Protein backbone atom coordinates (compact mmCIF):
# COMPACT_ATOMS: atom_id res chain seq x y z
CA MET A 1 87.11 181.47 61.06
CA LYS A 2 90.82 181.96 60.87
CA LYS A 3 91.96 185.20 59.39
CA VAL A 4 93.85 184.53 56.20
CA LEU A 5 97.13 186.38 56.08
CA SER A 6 98.33 186.70 52.51
CA LEU A 7 101.59 187.99 51.22
CA ILE A 8 102.48 188.80 47.67
CA THR A 9 105.87 187.43 46.71
CA THR A 10 107.55 187.86 43.36
CA ILE A 11 109.40 184.74 42.26
CA SER A 12 111.65 184.83 39.20
CA MET A 13 111.19 181.85 36.93
CA PHE A 14 111.88 180.31 33.54
CA ILE A 15 109.76 177.89 31.60
CA CYS A 16 110.15 174.12 31.23
CA PRO A 17 107.75 171.21 31.75
CA VAL A 18 107.09 169.65 35.16
CA PHE A 19 108.04 165.97 35.24
CA ALA A 20 105.54 163.18 34.66
CA TYR A 21 106.07 159.42 34.89
CA ASN A 22 104.45 157.44 32.10
CA ASP A 23 103.35 154.60 34.39
CA ILE A 24 101.41 156.78 36.86
CA GLU A 25 97.99 157.89 35.63
CA GLU A 26 97.44 160.67 38.14
CA LYS A 27 100.09 163.02 39.45
CA THR A 28 100.76 162.08 43.06
CA GLU A 29 101.89 164.69 45.57
CA SER A 30 104.26 162.40 47.45
CA ILE A 31 106.00 161.10 44.32
CA THR A 32 106.13 164.57 42.77
CA VAL A 33 107.73 166.18 45.81
CA LEU A 34 110.18 163.37 46.58
CA THR A 35 111.31 163.39 42.96
CA ASP A 36 111.77 167.16 42.94
CA LEU A 37 113.70 166.94 46.23
CA ASP A 38 115.92 164.19 44.76
CA ILE A 39 115.01 161.87 47.61
CA MET A 40 113.52 159.28 45.25
CA GLN A 41 113.99 159.00 41.51
CA GLY A 42 112.44 157.16 38.61
CA TYR A 43 114.15 155.10 35.93
CA ASP A 44 115.77 155.94 32.61
CA ASP A 45 112.64 154.87 30.72
CA ASN A 46 110.65 157.61 32.53
CA THR A 47 108.84 155.16 34.81
CA PHE A 48 108.51 155.20 38.57
CA ARG A 49 107.43 151.54 38.90
CA PRO A 50 105.20 152.22 41.92
CA ASP A 51 104.27 148.58 42.50
CA GLU A 52 107.83 147.29 42.62
CA SER A 53 109.65 146.71 45.89
CA ILE A 54 112.68 148.62 47.12
CA THR A 55 115.78 147.05 48.65
CA ARG A 56 117.00 147.74 52.16
CA SER A 57 120.10 149.46 50.79
CA GLU A 58 118.00 151.64 48.48
CA PHE A 59 115.79 152.65 51.38
CA ALA A 60 118.86 153.48 53.49
CA ALA A 61 119.77 155.90 50.70
CA VAL A 62 116.25 157.40 50.80
CA VAL A 63 116.38 158.19 54.52
CA VAL A 64 119.91 159.62 54.27
CA ARG A 65 118.85 161.89 51.41
CA ALA A 66 115.89 163.03 53.51
CA LEU A 67 118.40 164.20 56.13
CA ASN A 68 120.33 166.03 53.40
CA LEU A 69 123.40 163.90 54.13
CA GLU A 70 123.94 162.31 50.73
CA GLY A 71 127.19 164.19 50.12
CA TYR A 72 128.52 163.08 53.49
CA ALA A 73 127.49 159.49 52.79
CA LYS A 74 129.18 159.42 49.40
CA ASN A 75 132.43 160.67 50.92
CA ASN A 76 132.36 158.25 53.84
CA ALA A 77 132.24 154.82 52.26
CA VAL A 78 133.67 152.36 54.81
CA ASP A 79 133.67 148.75 55.83
CA THR A 80 130.62 148.98 58.08
CA VAL A 81 129.80 147.05 61.23
CA PHE A 82 127.70 144.75 59.04
CA SER A 83 129.53 141.77 57.60
CA ASP A 84 127.76 142.09 54.24
CA VAL A 85 128.28 145.83 53.65
CA LYS A 86 131.82 146.62 52.49
CA LYS A 87 133.50 149.86 51.46
CA SER A 88 133.34 148.88 47.79
CA ASP A 89 129.52 148.69 47.84
CA TRP A 90 127.76 151.74 46.39
CA PHE A 91 125.51 151.88 49.42
CA SER A 92 128.11 151.52 52.18
CA GLY A 93 128.19 155.24 52.98
CA TYR A 94 124.40 155.43 53.20
CA VAL A 95 124.23 152.38 55.47
CA GLN A 96 127.01 153.79 57.63
CA VAL A 97 125.24 157.13 58.10
CA ALA A 98 121.89 155.44 58.81
CA GLN A 99 123.58 153.23 61.40
CA GLU A 100 125.33 156.23 63.01
CA LYS A 101 121.98 158.01 63.26
CA ASN A 102 120.37 154.98 64.96
CA ILE A 103 118.00 154.52 62.05
CA ILE A 104 119.06 150.94 61.28
CA ASN A 105 120.34 148.08 63.43
CA GLY A 106 120.67 145.12 61.13
CA TYR A 107 120.06 141.52 62.13
CA PRO A 108 121.27 139.48 65.14
CA ASP A 109 123.76 137.61 62.91
CA GLY A 110 125.60 140.85 62.15
CA THR A 111 124.26 141.28 58.62
CA PHE A 112 122.27 144.07 57.02
CA ARG A 113 121.01 142.06 54.02
CA PRO A 114 121.18 145.05 51.67
CA GLU A 115 119.72 143.34 48.61
CA GLU A 116 116.60 142.02 50.33
CA PRO A 117 113.37 144.00 49.88
CA VAL A 118 112.57 146.26 52.78
CA LEU A 119 109.40 145.12 54.53
CA TYR A 120 106.62 147.59 55.28
CA MET A 121 107.19 147.23 59.03
CA GLU A 122 110.95 147.70 58.58
CA ALA A 123 110.39 150.89 56.60
CA VAL A 124 108.03 152.23 59.26
CA LYS A 125 110.54 151.42 62.00
CA MET A 126 113.35 153.19 60.13
CA LEU A 127 111.22 156.29 59.56
CA VAL A 128 110.17 156.40 63.22
CA CYS A 129 113.88 156.36 64.07
CA LEU A 130 114.58 158.95 61.37
CA LEU A 131 112.23 161.24 63.29
CA GLY A 132 114.30 160.71 66.44
CA TYR A 133 111.92 158.44 68.34
CA ALA A 134 114.39 155.55 68.79
CA PRO A 135 115.10 156.40 72.49
CA LYS A 136 111.48 155.61 73.35
CA PHE A 137 112.15 151.96 72.55
CA GLU A 138 115.66 151.46 73.98
CA ASN A 139 114.40 149.57 77.04
CA HIS A 140 111.72 147.66 75.14
CA PRO A 141 113.43 144.94 73.08
CA ASP A 142 110.05 143.49 72.11
CA ALA A 143 108.78 146.80 70.70
CA TYR A 144 109.40 145.76 67.09
CA PRO A 145 107.28 145.77 65.09
CA ASN A 146 104.06 146.59 66.96
CA GLY A 147 105.45 149.37 69.15
CA TYR A 148 106.87 151.20 66.17
CA ILE A 149 103.69 150.72 64.15
CA ILE A 150 101.59 152.15 66.99
CA GLU A 151 103.95 155.13 67.33
CA ALA A 152 103.83 155.71 63.57
CA ASN A 153 100.04 155.68 63.62
CA GLN A 154 99.92 158.12 66.53
CA GLN A 155 102.35 160.55 64.90
CA GLY A 156 100.59 160.48 61.53
CA LEU A 157 103.44 158.76 59.71
CA THR A 158 101.11 156.14 58.20
CA ARG A 159 98.43 158.67 57.23
CA GLY A 160 96.88 157.55 53.96
CA ALA A 161 99.07 154.44 53.83
CA THR A 162 97.82 150.91 53.42
CA GLY A 163 99.72 147.66 53.39
CA ILE A 164 100.38 144.36 55.12
CA ILE A 165 103.21 145.02 57.56
CA THR A 166 105.02 141.75 56.85
CA ASP A 167 105.02 142.26 53.06
CA PRO A 168 107.73 144.03 51.07
CA ALA A 169 106.92 147.73 50.81
CA THR A 170 106.23 149.06 47.33
CA ARG A 171 107.86 152.17 45.95
CA TYR A 172 104.46 153.87 46.09
CA GLN A 173 104.10 153.04 49.80
CA ILE A 174 107.64 154.17 50.51
CA ALA A 175 106.97 157.49 48.80
CA GLY A 176 103.84 158.07 50.88
CA LEU A 177 105.45 157.16 54.20
CA THR A 178 108.60 159.18 53.52
CA TYR A 179 106.63 162.21 52.37
CA ASN A 180 104.59 162.10 55.58
CA ALA A 181 107.80 161.97 57.61
CA LEU A 182 109.08 165.22 56.11
CA THR A 183 106.52 167.39 57.89
CA LEU A 184 106.16 165.61 61.24
CA PRO A 185 107.70 166.98 64.47
CA MET A 186 110.99 165.37 65.45
CA MET A 187 112.07 164.18 68.87
CA GLU A 188 115.34 165.62 70.15
CA GLN A 189 117.61 165.22 73.15
CA ARG A 190 118.00 168.04 75.60
CA THR A 191 120.43 168.01 78.49
CA TYR A 192 119.93 169.95 81.71
CA ALA A 193 123.00 169.63 83.95
CA GLU A 194 123.29 165.85 84.20
CA LYS A 195 119.68 165.16 83.29
CA VAL A 196 118.85 164.02 79.76
CA GLU A 197 115.34 164.43 78.39
CA TYR A 198 113.78 163.69 75.04
CA ILE A 199 111.11 166.08 73.86
CA VAL A 200 109.05 166.46 70.72
CA ASN A 201 109.97 169.76 69.09
CA GLU A 202 106.96 170.93 67.10
CA GLU A 203 109.13 173.39 65.17
CA LYS A 204 111.77 170.85 64.13
CA LEU A 205 110.74 169.21 60.88
CA ILE A 206 112.89 167.29 58.41
CA LEU A 207 111.60 169.46 55.57
CA THR A 208 112.58 172.77 57.15
CA THR A 209 115.44 171.78 59.46
CA SER A 210 117.35 169.24 57.38
CA LEU A 211 116.38 170.28 53.85
CA GLY A 212 115.93 174.02 54.43
CA VAL A 213 112.69 174.00 52.46
CA SER A 214 109.45 175.89 53.06
CA LYS A 215 106.14 174.36 52.06
CA VAL A 216 103.74 177.21 51.44
CA GLU A 217 100.11 177.32 50.41
CA ALA A 218 99.82 179.90 47.68
CA GLU A 219 97.57 181.02 44.87
CA ILE A 220 99.19 181.73 41.53
CA LYS A 221 97.85 185.23 40.90
CA GLU A 222 99.77 186.38 37.85
CA ILE A 223 102.41 185.09 35.48
CA LYS A 224 104.67 187.47 33.60
CA ASP A 225 107.44 186.82 31.12
CA ASP A 226 110.05 186.23 33.78
CA SER A 227 108.15 186.11 37.06
CA ALA A 228 105.12 184.84 38.91
CA ILE A 229 103.06 186.51 41.62
CA LEU A 230 102.06 184.24 44.49
CA ALA A 231 99.59 185.10 47.26
CA ILE A 232 100.93 183.12 50.20
CA ASN A 233 98.73 182.01 53.09
CA LYS A 234 101.09 182.25 56.06
CA GLU A 235 98.74 180.53 58.51
CA THR A 236 98.79 177.24 56.60
CA SER A 237 102.39 177.38 55.44
CA LEU A 238 105.59 175.92 56.86
CA LEU A 239 107.95 178.87 56.64
CA TYR A 240 111.64 178.08 57.03
CA ASN A 241 112.69 181.72 57.25
CA GLU A 242 109.64 183.88 57.69
CA GLU A 243 111.68 187.09 57.70
CA ASP A 244 112.25 186.62 53.97
CA LEU A 245 108.52 186.95 53.38
CA GLU A 246 107.47 189.65 55.82
CA ALA A 247 109.08 192.61 54.07
CA GLY A 248 106.39 192.73 51.42
CA GLU A 249 107.37 192.04 47.86
CA ASN A 250 110.53 189.95 47.67
CA THR A 251 112.26 188.74 44.53
CA LEU A 252 113.22 185.08 44.87
CA ALA A 253 115.61 183.90 42.16
CA ILE A 254 114.71 180.50 40.79
CA LYS A 255 117.31 178.15 39.38
CA LYS A 256 115.21 175.06 38.79
CA VAL A 257 112.84 176.16 36.07
CA LEU A 258 109.16 175.32 36.29
CA ASP A 259 106.25 176.03 33.99
CA LEU A 260 103.57 177.57 36.20
CA SER A 261 101.13 178.50 33.42
CA SER A 262 98.80 175.56 34.14
CA TYR A 263 98.51 176.63 37.79
CA LEU A 264 97.28 180.19 37.18
CA ASN A 265 94.54 181.23 39.66
CA GLN A 266 94.88 177.91 41.48
CA LYS A 267 95.73 177.28 45.09
CA CYS A 268 98.85 175.14 45.27
CA PHE A 269 101.48 173.82 47.60
CA VAL A 270 104.81 175.35 46.61
CA LEU A 271 108.14 174.12 47.95
CA ILE A 272 110.86 176.78 48.12
CA ASN A 273 114.51 176.36 49.07
CA MET A 274 114.79 179.41 51.29
CA GLU A 275 118.59 179.56 51.34
CA ASN A 276 119.00 179.68 47.57
CA LYS A 277 115.55 181.15 46.85
CA ILE A 278 114.61 178.36 44.47
CA ILE A 279 111.15 176.96 43.74
CA ILE A 280 111.67 173.20 43.97
CA SER A 281 108.19 171.80 43.47
CA ILE A 282 104.57 172.77 42.98
CA PHE A 283 101.41 170.72 43.42
CA PRO A 284 97.78 171.86 43.06
CA ILE A 285 95.48 171.66 46.08
CA THR A 286 92.37 169.68 45.16
CA LYS A 287 89.24 168.83 47.09
């Protein structure tokens, strides 16, 4: 049995309700977290519309936000290499960044087809590339879609996902796939003299590396007027900056206010922006 290492951390907080979409009966971890991270959003009528499809341009925006490059994308709107994505399009910066990062390639006729729904297999391929695995398929032009699907299955990207690969992906499926991608090891290039190698870096995750966010397993032990006491299990947590937690009791200022009263004495996943010391999201751990 693993020894549980717990750490008591004081986190300053204020009170306001956690979001809920009126068209989703049960709170879903993937949708909750992606909403709180501003990677995906609902609509003005407080719906998420989980069964609707998502366009290719919208999904390009999702993957760019996951890399924490939305600001860069918004400031770099250009006439892209794709004939149907111009500087005046709201999505041009996102498409440009995704193309620069080898996440998207477009079609043989030079188009991106931004308004078409992204297919399940296209979304999987883009997320595999988001994780840095594109070099594995450079010399295999026939790898799409089966090669990418197999890689996604092996890496755990499609864990819990279901769908017909040739059908348009739903917003619910996109949320699940993207959420899985946040905590999977990325592949990176390393150069030794003139030799280039690609390795899987188990410590390089989109969540921690790109977003600067720790996902910790914690039990809400006590709630005071302006603070909450969390017992953090370090062995099962993804700590972005562990030094912040090892000193004992640390006060982490929270800017995004969350009501933690309903989570008292529960084990939860808590997402913390470790640079700004902000609790971003919380989700109860259930059986």
